[in-house]
Amino acid sequence: MSKSVFYHAGCPVCISAEHDIIELIGANNVEIVHFGKDKSRIAEAEKKGIKSVPALVTPTGHVLHINFGASIQDVKG
């Protein structure tokens, strides 16, 4: 099974969701992408259908937007 990818911007909503996702599916099953640390991955997230963060992309490519923290446009600056 490939990993899910969790995208976030580092806000309190995102950090809280990151902790919950790791607890739910396990750290070995999810890649964490923090846009504050790696803005180069924003375009990748947009291509996958991310409209806001925090968001989780499942191994099958489904996008799950979680508790709105920021739009992808806000993250891009």
PDB file of N, CA and C in Angstrom:
ATOM      1  N   MET A   1       0.846  -1.181   0.000  1.00  0.00           N
ATOM      2  CA  MET A   1       0.000   0.000   0.000  1.00  0.00           C
ATOM      3  C   MET A   1       0.890   1.242   0.000  1.00  0.00           C
ATOM      4  N   SER A   2       0.559   2.201  -0.854  1.00  0.00           N
ATOM      5  CA  SER A   2       1.311   3.452  -0.829  1.00  0.00           C
ATOM      6  C   SER A   2       0.769   4.349   0.282  1.00  0.00           C
ATOM      7  N   LYS A   3       1.510   5.379   0.578  1.00  0.00           N
ATOM      8  CA  LYS A   3       1.146   6.265   1.684  1.00  0.00           C
ATOM      9  C   LYS A   3       0.112   7.311   1.274  1.00  0.00           C
ATOM     10  N   SER A   4      -0.636   7.767   2.254  1.00  0.00           N
ATOM     11  CA  SER A   4      -1.445   8.967   2.103  1.00  0.00           C
ATOM     12  C   SER A   4      -0.494  10.150   2.233  1.00  0.00           C
ATOM     13  N   VAL A   5      -0.916  11.310   1.729  1.00  0.00           N
ATOM     14  CA  VAL A   5      -0.116  12.522   1.864  1.00  0.00           C
ATOM     15  C   VAL A   5      -0.975  13.575   2.541  1.00  0.00           C
ATOM     16  N   PHE A   6      -0.468  14.116   3.633  1.00  0.00           N
ATOM     17  CA  PHE A   6      -1.174  15.141   4.394  1.00  0.00           C
ATOM     18  C   PHE A   6      -0.484  16.474   4.149  1.00  0.00           C
ATOM     19  N   TYR A   7      -1.220  17.419   3.558  1.00  0.00           N
ATOM     20  CA  TYR A   7      -0.701  18.746   3.256  1.00  0.00           C
ATOM     21  C   TYR A   7      -1.227  19.744   4.272  1.00  0.00           C
ATOM     22  N   HIS A   8      -0.334  20.626   4.755  1.00  0.00           N
ATOM     23  CA  HIS A   8      -0.789  21.668   5.668  1.00  0.00           C
ATOM     24  C   HIS A   8       0.145  22.862   5.652  1.00  0.00           C
ATOM     25  N   ALA A   9      -0.303  23.944   6.305  1.00  0.00           N
ATOM     26  CA  ALA A   9       0.442  25.203   6.281  1.00  0.00           C
ATOM     27  C   ALA A   9       1.041  25.574   7.633  1.00  0.00           C
ATOM     28  N   GLY A  10       0.852  24.744   8.631  1.00  0.00           N
ATOM     29  CA  GLY A  10       1.467  25.001   9.921  1.00  0.00           C
ATOM     30  C   GLY A  10       0.635  25.794  10.911  1.00  0.00           C
ATOM     31  N   CYS A  11      -0.594  26.147  10.546  1.00  0.00           N
ATOM     32  CA  CYS A  11      -1.456  26.885  11.474  1.00  0.00           C
ATOM     33  C   CYS A  11      -1.925  25.940  12.588  1.00  0.00           C
ATOM     34  N   PRO A  12      -2.484  26.474  13.662  1.00  0.00           N
ATOM     35  CA  PRO A  12      -2.949  25.608  14.754  1.00  0.00           C
ATOM     36  C   PRO A  12      -3.964  24.550  14.312  1.00  0.00           C
ATOM     37  N   VAL A  13      -4.879  24.905  13.409  1.00  0.00           N
ATOM     38  CA  VAL A  13      -5.853  23.934  12.898  1.00  0.00           C
ATOM     39  C   VAL A  13      -5.121  22.799  12.190  1.00  0.00           C
ATOM     40  N   CYS A  14      -4.119  23.163  11.380  1.00  0.00           N
ATOM     41  CA  CYS A  14      -3.359  22.165  10.618  1.00  0.00           C
ATOM     42  C   CYS A  14      -2.546  21.249  11.527  1.00  0.00           C
ATOM     43  N   ILE A  15      -1.887  21.819  12.504  1.00  0.00           N
ATOM     44  CA  ILE A  15      -1.065  21.027  13.426  1.00  0.00           C
ATOM     45  C   ILE A  15      -1.931  20.045  14.210  1.00  0.00           C
ATOM     46  N   SER A  16      -3.076  20.509  14.666  1.00  0.00           N
ATOM     47  CA  SER A  16      -3.996  19.638  15.387  1.00  0.00           C
ATOM     48  C   SER A  16      -4.457  18.489  14.487  1.00  0.00           C
ATOM     49  N   ALA A  17      -4.809  18.808  13.245  1.00  0.00           N
ATOM     50  CA  ALA A  17      -5.245  17.775  12.305  1.00  0.00           C
ATOM     51  C   ALA A  17      -4.107  16.801  12.001  1.00  0.00           C
ATOM     52  N   GLU A  18      -2.873  17.310  11.875  1.00  0.00           N
ATOM     53  CA  GLU A  18      -1.719  16.445  11.635  1.00  0.00           C
ATOM     54  C   GLU A  18      -1.576  15.410  12.746  1.00  0.00           C
ATOM     55  N   HIS A  19      -1.678  15.846  13.986  1.00  0.00           N
ATOM     56  CA  HIS A  19      -1.563  14.921  15.118  1.00  0.00           C
ATOM     57  C   HIS A  19      -2.661  13.858  15.073  1.00  0.00           C
ATOM     58  N   ASP A  20      -3.881  14.287  14.753  1.00  0.00           N
ATOM     59  CA  ASP A  20      -5.000  13.344  14.686  1.00  0.00           C
ATOM     60  C   ASP A  20      -4.819  12.337  13.549  1.00  0.00           C
ATOM     61  N   ILE A  21      -4.378  12.817  12.386  1.00  0.00           N
ATOM     62  CA  ILE A  21      -4.166  11.926  11.242  1.00  0.00           C
ATOM     63  C   ILE A  21      -3.105  10.888  11.575  1.00  0.00           C
ATOM     64  N   ILE A  22      -2.003  11.329  12.166  1.00  0.00           N
ATOM     65  CA  ILE A  22      -0.932  10.392  12.532  1.00  0.00           C
ATOM     66  C   ILE A  22      -1.450   9.360  13.530  1.00  0.00           C
ATOM     67  N   GLU A  23      -2.231   9.797  14.493  1.00  0.00           N
ATOM     68  CA  GLU A  23      -2.784   8.868  15.473  1.00  0.00           C
ATOM     69  C   GLU A  23      -3.766   7.884  14.828  1.00  0.00           C
ATOM     70  N   LEU A  24      -4.548   8.367  13.869  1.00  0.00           N
ATOM     71  CA  LEU A  24      -5.553   7.513  13.228  1.00  0.00           C
ATOM     72  C   LEU A  24      -4.956   6.487  12.277  1.00  0.00           C
ATOM     73  N   ILE A  25      -4.014   6.928  11.427  1.00  0.00           N
ATOM     74  CA  ILE A  25      -3.534   6.004  10.394  1.00  0.00           C
ATOM     75  C   ILE A  25      -2.081   5.574  10.564  1.00  0.00           C
ATOM     76  N   GLY A  26      -1.381   6.204  11.502  1.00  0.00           N
ATOM     77  CA  GLY A  26      -0.008   5.806  11.786  1.00  0.00           C
ATOM     78  C   GLY A  26       1.017   6.592  10.987  1.00  0.00           C
ATOM     79  N   ALA A  27       2.093   6.961  11.646  1.00  0.00           N
ATOM     80  CA  ALA A  27       3.143   7.772  11.019  1.00  0.00           C
ATOM     81  C   ALA A  27       3.772   7.082   9.816  1.00  0.00           C
ATOM     82  N   ASN A  28       3.804   5.760   9.812  1.00  0.00           N
ATOM     83  CA  ASN A  28       4.398   5.030   8.690  1.00  0.00           C
ATOM     84  C   ASN A  28       3.506   4.998   7.455  1.00  0.00           C
ATOM     85  N   ASN A  29       2.244   5.427   7.612  1.00  0.00           N
ATOM     86  CA  ASN A  29       1.283   5.360   6.510  1.00  0.00           C
ATOM     87  C   ASN A  29       0.955   6.711   5.905  1.00  0.00           C
ATOM     88  N   VAL A  30       1.637   7.758   6.372  1.00  0.00           N
ATOM     89  CA  VAL A  30       1.331   9.096   5.864  1.00  0.00           C
ATOM     90  C   VAL A  30       2.610   9.909   5.703  1.00  0.00           C
ATOM     91  N   GLU A  31       2.683  10.632   4.600  1.00  0.00           N
ATOM     92  CA  GLU A  31       3.763  11.592   4.379  1.00  0.00           C
ATOM     93  C   GLU A  31       3.218  12.964   4.749  1.00  0.00           C
ATOM     94  N   ILE A  32       3.939  13.700   5.562  1.00  0.00           N
ATOM     95  CA  ILE A  32       3.512  15.034   5.975  1.00  0.00           C
ATOM     96  C   ILE A  32       4.221  16.071   5.111  1.00  0.00           C
ATOM     97  N   VAL A  33       3.439  16.970   4.507  1.00  0.00           N
ATOM     98  CA  VAL A  33       4.001  18.061   3.707  1.00  0.00           C
ATOM     99  C   VAL A  33       3.564  19.372   4.347  1.00  0.00           C
ATOM    100  N   HIS A  34       4.525  20.105   4.866  1.00  0.00           N
ATOM    101  CA  HIS A  34       4.298  21.395   5.530  1.00  0.00           C
ATOM    102  C   HIS A  34       4.746  22.475   4.542  1.00  0.00           C
ATOM    103  N   PHE A  35       3.788  23.239   4.011  1.00  0.00           N
ATOM    104  CA  PHE A  35       4.113  24.242   3.004  1.00  0.00           C
ATOM    105  C   PHE A  35       5.010  25.353   3.527  1.00  0.00           C
ATOM    106  N   GLY A  36       4.975  25.604   4.817  1.00  0.00           N
ATOM    107  CA  GLY A  36       5.870  26.597   5.392  1.00  0.00           C
ATOM    108  C   GLY A  36       7.324  26.177   5.302  1.00  0.00           C
ATOM    109  N   LYS A  37       7.548  24.880   5.229  1.00  0.00           N
ATOM    110  CA  LYS A  37       8.904  24.338   5.128  1.00  0.00           C
ATOM    111  C   LYS A  37       9.271  23.949   3.701  1.00  0.00           C
ATOM    112  N   ASP A  38       8.256  23.736   2.847  1.00  0.00           N
ATOM    113  CA  ASP A  38       8.518  23.306   1.472  1.00  0.00           C
ATOM    114  C   ASP A  38       7.445  23.830   0.523  1.00  0.00           C
ATOM    115  N   LYS A  39       7.562  25.100   0.138  1.00  0.00           N
ATOM    116  CA  LYS A  39       6.586  25.717  -0.769  1.00  0.00           C
ATOM    117  C   LYS A  39       6.622  25.108  -2.168  1.00  0.00           C
ATOM    118  N   SER A  40       7.703  24.431  -2.505  1.00  0.00           N
ATOM    119  CA  SER A  40       7.818  23.836  -3.838  1.00  0.00           C
ATOM    120  C   SER A  40       6.760  22.755  -4.081  1.00  0.00           C
ATOM    121  N   ARG A  41       6.125  22.279  -3.044  1.00  0.00           N
ATOM    122  CA  ARG A  41       5.129  21.207  -3.179  1.00  0.00           C
ATOM    123  C   ARG A  41       3.704  21.735  -3.361  1.00  0.00           C
ATOM    124  N   ILE A  42       3.530  23.061  -3.362  1.00  0.00           N
ATOM    125  CA  ILE A  42       2.186  23.632  -3.527  1.00  0.00           C
ATOM    126  C   ILE A  42       1.611  23.274  -4.891  1.00  0.00           C
ATOM    127  N   ALA A  43       2.396  23.397  -5.948  1.00  0.00           N
ATOM    128  CA  ALA A  43       1.910  23.074  -7.300  1.00  0.00           C
ATOM    129  C   ALA A  43       1.477  21.606  -7.387  1.00  0.00           C
ATOM    130  N   GLU A  44       2.237  20.724  -6.769  1.00  0.00           N
ATOM    131  CA  GLU A  44       1.892  19.301  -6.724  1.00  0.00           C
ATOM    132  C   GLU A  44       0.527  19.104  -6.062  1.00  0.00           C
ATOM    133  N   ALA A  45       0.324  19.794  -4.943  1.00  0.00           N
ATOM    134  CA  ALA A  45      -0.945  19.676  -4.218  1.00  0.00           C
ATOM    135  C   ALA A  45      -2.110  20.185  -5.070  1.00  0.00           C
ATOM    136  N   GLU A  46      -1.906  21.300  -5.742  1.00  0.00           N
ATOM    137  CA  GLU A  46      -2.963  21.837  -6.611  1.00  0.00           C
ATOM    138  C   GLU A  46      -3.326  20.853  -7.715  1.00  0.00           C
ATOM    139  N   LYS A  47      -2.332  20.204  -8.307  1.00  0.00           N
ATOM    140  CA  LYS A  47      -2.590  19.223  -9.367  1.00  0.00           C
ATOM    141  C   LYS A  47      -3.389  18.038  -8.847  1.00  0.00           C
ATOM    142  N   LYS A  48      -3.223  17.728  -7.571  1.00  0.00           N
ATOM    143  CA  LYS A  48      -3.974  16.621  -6.968  1.00  0.00           C
ATOM    144  C   LYS A  48      -5.388  17.028  -6.566  1.00  0.00           C
ATOM    145  N   GLY A  49      -5.702  18.338  -6.639  1.00  0.00           N
ATOM    146  CA  GLY A  49      -7.048  18.803  -6.319  1.00  0.00           C
ATOM    147  C   GLY A  49      -7.196  19.477  -4.973  1.00  0.00           C
ATOM    148  N   ILE A  50      -6.093  19.797  -4.312  1.00  0.00           N
ATOM    149  CA  ILE A  50      -6.159  20.471  -3.018  1.00  0.00           C
ATOM    150  C   ILE A  50      -6.653  21.900  -3.219  1.00  0.00           C
ATOM    151  N   LYS A  51      -7.714  22.259  -2.513  1.00  0.00           N
ATOM    152  CA  LYS A  51      -8.294  23.609  -2.569  1.00  0.00           C
ATOM    153  C   LYS A  51      -8.041  24.391  -1.290  1.00  0.00           C
ATOM    154  N   SER A  52      -7.821  23.657  -0.196  1.00  0.00           N
ATOM    155  CA  SER A  52      -7.556  24.281   1.099  1.00  0.00           C
ATOM    156  C   SER A  52      -6.773  23.287   1.949  1.00  0.00           C
ATOM    157  N   VAL A  53      -6.162  23.823   2.977  1.00  0.00           N
ATOM    158  CA  VAL A  53      -5.438  22.969   3.910  1.00  0.00           C
ATOM    159  C   VAL A  53      -6.011  23.168   5.302  1.00  0.00           C
ATOM    160  N   PRO A  54      -5.934  22.157   6.127  1.00  0.00           N
ATOM    161  CA  PRO A  54      -5.305  20.867   5.931  1.00  0.00           C
ATOM    162  C   PRO A  54      -6.125  19.963   5.008  1.00  0.00           C
ATOM    163  N   ALA A  55      -5.399  19.088   4.304  1.00  0.00           N
ATOM    164  CA  ALA A  55      -6.047  18.138   3.406  1.00  0.00           C
ATOM    165  C   ALA A  55      -5.217  16.862   3.343  1.00  0.00           C
ATOM    166  N   LEU A  56      -5.910  15.772   3.131  1.00  0.00           N
ATOM    167  CA  LEU A  56      -5.278  14.461   3.034  1.00  0.00           C
ATOM    168  C   LEU A  56      -5.606  13.882   1.667  1.00  0.00           C
ATOM    169  N   VAL A  57      -4.576  13.389   0.970  1.00  0.00           N
ATOM    170  CA  VAL A  57      -4.780  12.672  -0.281  1.00  0.00           C
ATOM    171  C   VAL A  57      -4.541  11.202   0.021  1.00  0.00           C
ATOM    172  N   THR A  58      -5.549  10.393  -0.237  1.00  0.00           N
ATOM    173  CA  THR A  58      -5.468   8.961   0.049  1.00  0.00           C
ATOM    174  C   THR A  58      -4.610   8.263  -1.002  1.00  0.00           C
ATOM    175  N   PRO A  59      -4.178   7.043  -0.733  1.00  0.00           N
ATOM    176  CA  PRO A  59      -3.389   6.301  -1.724  1.00  0.00           C
ATOM    177  C   PRO A  59      -4.105   6.113  -3.064  1.00  0.00           C
ATOM    178  N   THR A  60      -5.436   6.169  -3.056  1.00  0.00           N
ATOM    179  CA  THR A  60      -6.194   6.036  -4.303  1.00  0.00           C
ATOM    180  C   THR A  60      -6.409   7.374  -5.003  1.00  0.00           C
ATOM    181  N   GLY A  61      -5.901   8.458  -4.405  1.00  0.00           N
ATOM    182  CA  GLY A  61      -5.994   9.770  -5.034  1.00  0.00           C
ATOM    183  C   GLY A  61      -7.173  10.619  -4.605  1.00  0.00           C
ATOM    184  N   HIS A  62      -7.969  10.138  -3.673  1.00  0.00           N
ATOM    185  CA  HIS A  62      -9.095  10.937  -3.181  1.00  0.00           C
ATOM    186  C   HIS A  62      -8.581  12.040  -2.263  1.00  0.00           C
ATOM    187  N   VAL A  63      -9.145  13.234  -2.435  1.00  0.00           N
ATOM    188  CA  VAL A  63      -8.764  14.387  -1.614  1.00  0.00           C
ATOM    189  C   VAL A  63      -9.796  14.575  -0.510  1.00  0.00           C
ATOM    190  N   LEU A  64      -9.314  14.595   0.719  1.00  0.00           N
ATOM    191  CA  LEU A  64     -10.180  14.827   1.871  1.00  0.00           C
ATOM    192  C   LEU A  64      -9.782  16.158   2.498  1.00  0.00           C
ATOM    193  N   HIS A  65     -10.612  17.176   2.294  1.00  0.00           N
ATOM    194  CA  HIS A  65     -10.345  18.473   2.916  1.00  0.00           C
ATOM    195  C   HIS A  65     -10.843  18.408   4.360  1.00  0.00           C
ATOM    196  N   ILE A  66      -9.980  18.827   5.273  1.00  0.00           N
ATOM    197  CA  ILE A  66     -10.253  18.665   6.700  1.00  0.00           C
ATOM    198  C   ILE A  66     -10.331  20.024   7.376  1.00  0.00           C
ATOM    199  N   ASN A  67     -11.443  20.327   8.009  1.00  0.00           N
ATOM    200  CA  ASN A  67     -11.567  21.510   8.867  1.00  0.00           C
ATOM    201  C   ASN A  67     -10.788  22.714   8.341  1.00  0.00           C
ATOM    202  N   PHE A  68     -11.389  23.476   7.470  1.00  0.00           N
ATOM    203  CA  PHE A  68     -10.746  24.589   6.766  1.00  0.00           C
ATOM    204  C   PHE A  68      -9.805  25.409   7.642  1.00  0.00           C
ATOM    205  N   GLY A  69      -8.558  25.499   7.207  1.00  0.00           N
ATOM    206  CA  GLY A  69      -7.537  26.315   7.875  1.00  0.00           C
ATOM    207  C   GLY A  69      -7.143  27.484   7.018  1.00  0.00           C
ATOM    208  N   ALA A  70      -6.881  27.235   5.723  1.00  0.00           N
ATOM    209  CA  ALA A  70      -6.497  28.283   4.778  1.00  0.00           C
ATOM    210  C   ALA A  70      -6.719  27.782   3.354  1.00  0.00           C
ATOM    211  N   SER A  71      -7.087  28.695   2.462  1.00  0.00           N
ATOM    212  CA  SER A  71      -7.208  28.320   1.061  1.00  0.00           C
ATOM    213  C   SER A  71      -5.825  28.135   0.463  1.00  0.00           C
ATOM    214  N   ILE A  72      -5.741  27.382  -0.619  1.00  0.00           N
ATOM    215  CA  ILE A  72      -4.456  27.189  -1.272  1.00  0.00           C
ATOM    216  C   ILE A  72      -3.931  28.521  -1.808  1.00  0.00           C
ATOM    217  N   GLN A  73      -4.814  29.426  -2.177  1.00  0.00           N
ATOM    218  CA  GLN A  73      -4.398  30.746  -2.649  1.00  0.00           C
ATOM    219  C   GLN A  73      -3.740  31.543  -1.530  1.00  0.00           C
ATOM    220  N   ASP A  74      -4.285  31.441  -0.327  1.00  0.00           N
ATOM    221  CA  ASP A  74      -3.668  32.118   0.830  1.00  0.00           C
ATOM    222  C   ASP A  74      -2.287  31.540   1.119  1.00  0.00           C
ATOM    223  N   VAL A  75      -2.144  30.251   0.968  1.00  0.00           N
ATOM    224  CA  VAL A  75      -0.868  29.596   1.219  1.00  0.00           C
ATOM    225  C   VAL A  75       0.179  30.043   0.208  1.00  0.00           C
ATOM    226  N   LYS A  76      -0.251  30.202  -1.033  1.00  0.00           N
ATOM    227  CA  LYS A  76       0.660  30.632  -2.100  1.00  0.00           C
ATOM    228  C   LYS A  76       1.163  32.043  -1.864  1.00  0.00           C
ATOM    229  N   GLY A  77       0.363  32.832  -1.156  1.00  0.00           N
ATOM    230  CA  GLY A  77       0.770  34.191  -0.817  1.00  0.00           C
ATOM    231  C   GLY A  77       0.466  35.149  -1.854  1.00  0.00           C
TER     232      GLY A  77
END
